[in-house]
Amino acid sequence: MNDVLGITPLNLTRGQCYELINQLRTELNQTEIIERLWQCNKGGSAACQEAYAQFKEITQQ
C-alpha cells in the first residue's frame, strides 16, 4: 500500500492513520474514529463516504 501524505484533513500518512486508528479503537467505535480523523459527520455526504472507504482500506492492511 502506498504511504502517501494527505490521508485525512490532518495530512497523515496511511501508516500514521493505521497506528492512530489502532490506538483509538480502545476508546472509540468506528464511526467516532472516522468523525475525528476525517472531520466529517455521519450522514451520507460524499466526504464521509470517502472517509469510510479510506478507513476500510487502511484497516485491511
Protein backbone atom coordinates (compact mmCIF):
# COMPACT_ATOMS: atom_id res chain seq x y z
CA MET A 1 0.00 0.00 0.00
CA ASN A 2 1.33 3.40 -0.94
CA ASP A 3 2.12 5.51 2.13
CA VAL A 4 1.38 8.94 0.65
CA LEU A 5 0.66 12.12 2.55
CA GLY A 6 -2.78 13.63 2.52
CA ILE A 7 -4.96 10.98 4.13
CA THR A 8 -7.40 12.77 6.45
CA PRO A 9 -7.52 16.55 6.90
CA LEU A 10 -4.55 16.11 9.27
CA ASN A 11 -2.36 15.09 6.28
CA LEU A 12 -1.34 11.83 7.93
CA THR A 13 0.30 9.01 6.03
CA ARG A 14 -1.55 5.71 5.79
CA GLY A 15 0.90 4.25 8.30
CA GLN A 16 0.25 7.06 10.76
CA CYS A 17 -3.51 6.62 10.29
CA TYR A 18 -3.22 2.90 10.89
CA GLU A 19 -1.33 3.41 14.15
CA LEU A 20 -3.70 6.12 15.34
CA ILE A 21 -6.78 4.06 14.48
CA ASN A 22 -5.40 1.13 16.48
CA GLN A 23 -4.80 3.40 19.47
CA LEU A 24 -8.25 5.00 19.24
CA ARG A 25 -10.07 1.64 18.94
CA THR A 26 -9.68 1.13 22.68
CA GLU A 27 -11.83 4.21 23.35
CA LEU A 28 -13.92 4.91 20.23
CA ASN A 29 -16.07 3.00 17.77
CA GLN A 30 -15.54 3.07 14.00
CA THR A 31 -17.92 5.98 13.40
CA GLU A 32 -16.32 8.09 16.13
CA ILE A 33 -12.84 7.40 14.76
CA ILE A 34 -13.89 8.42 11.25
CA GLU A 35 -15.58 11.57 12.56
CA ARG A 36 -12.45 12.56 14.49
CA LEU A 37 -9.76 11.76 11.94
CA TRP A 38 -11.61 12.80 8.80
CA GLN A 39 -13.59 15.60 10.46
CA CYS A 40 -16.91 14.61 8.93
CA ASN A 41 -20.26 13.69 10.42
CA LYS A 42 -22.12 10.50 9.64
CA GLY A 43 -24.92 11.15 7.23
CA GLY A 44 -24.05 10.00 3.75
CA SER A 45 -22.14 13.02 2.47
CA ALA A 46 -19.59 12.36 -0.26
CA ALA A 47 -16.78 13.34 2.12
CA CYS A 48 -17.97 10.90 4.76
CA GLN A 49 -18.38 8.11 2.22
CA GLU A 50 -14.80 8.70 1.04
CA ALA A 51 -13.60 8.75 4.66
CA TYR A 52 -15.33 5.40 5.29
CA ALA A 53 -13.71 3.91 2.18
CA GLN A 54 -10.27 5.14 3.25
CA PHE A 55 -10.83 3.82 6.78
CA LYS A 56 -11.72 0.37 5.41
CA GLU A 57 -8.71 0.37 3.09
CA ILE A 58 -6.32 1.38 5.86
CA THR A 59 -7.64 -1.11 8.41
CA GLN A 60 -7.39 -4.03 5.97
CA GLN A 61 -3.58 -3.79 5.81
